[in-house]
Amino acid sequence: MRQNYIRVLEGDRVKVEMSPYDLTRGRVTYRYK
């Protein structure tokens, strides 16, 4: 269940939002072009 999933390629600069409850997973909130 992911909404507007951002595909991330290796080497891309991205901004990751960490979950305060589960530090093992985060979600990419923004991908720098």
Protein backbone atom coordinates (compact mmCIF):
# COMPACT_ATOMS: atom_id res chain seq x y z
CA MET A 1 0.00 0.00 0.00
CA ARG A 2 2.19 2.82 -1.13
CA GLN A 3 0.85 6.05 -2.49
CA ASN A 4 2.69 7.74 -5.32
CA TYR A 5 5.78 5.63 -4.81
CA ILE A 6 9.02 7.27 -5.84
CA ARG A 7 11.41 4.98 -7.67
CA VAL A 8 14.90 5.45 -6.36
CA LEU A 9 17.94 4.53 -8.36
CA GLU A 10 21.29 3.86 -6.83
CA GLY A 11 23.16 7.12 -6.46
CA ASP A 12 20.05 9.27 -6.36
CA ARG A 13 19.95 11.94 -3.69
CA VAL A 14 16.78 11.51 -1.73
CA LYS A 15 15.20 12.79 1.43
CA VAL A 16 14.12 10.00 3.74
CA GLU A 17 11.52 10.39 6.43
CA MET A 18 12.14 7.92 9.23
CA SER A 19 9.28 6.39 11.14
CA PRO A 20 9.45 7.30 14.82
CA TYR A 21 8.02 3.91 15.70
CA ASP A 22 10.06 1.69 13.42
CA LEU A 23 13.62 2.84 12.85
CA THR A 24 14.39 -0.01 10.47
CA ARG A 25 12.24 1.47 7.77
CA GLY A 26 11.83 4.92 6.37
CA ARG A 27 10.06 6.34 3.42
CA VAL A 28 11.46 8.48 0.67
CA THR A 29 9.61 11.76 0.75
CA TYR A 30 11.49 13.55 -1.99
CA ARG A 31 13.82 12.66 -4.81
CA TYR A 32 16.29 15.31 -5.91
CA LYS A 33 16.45 15.62 -9.67
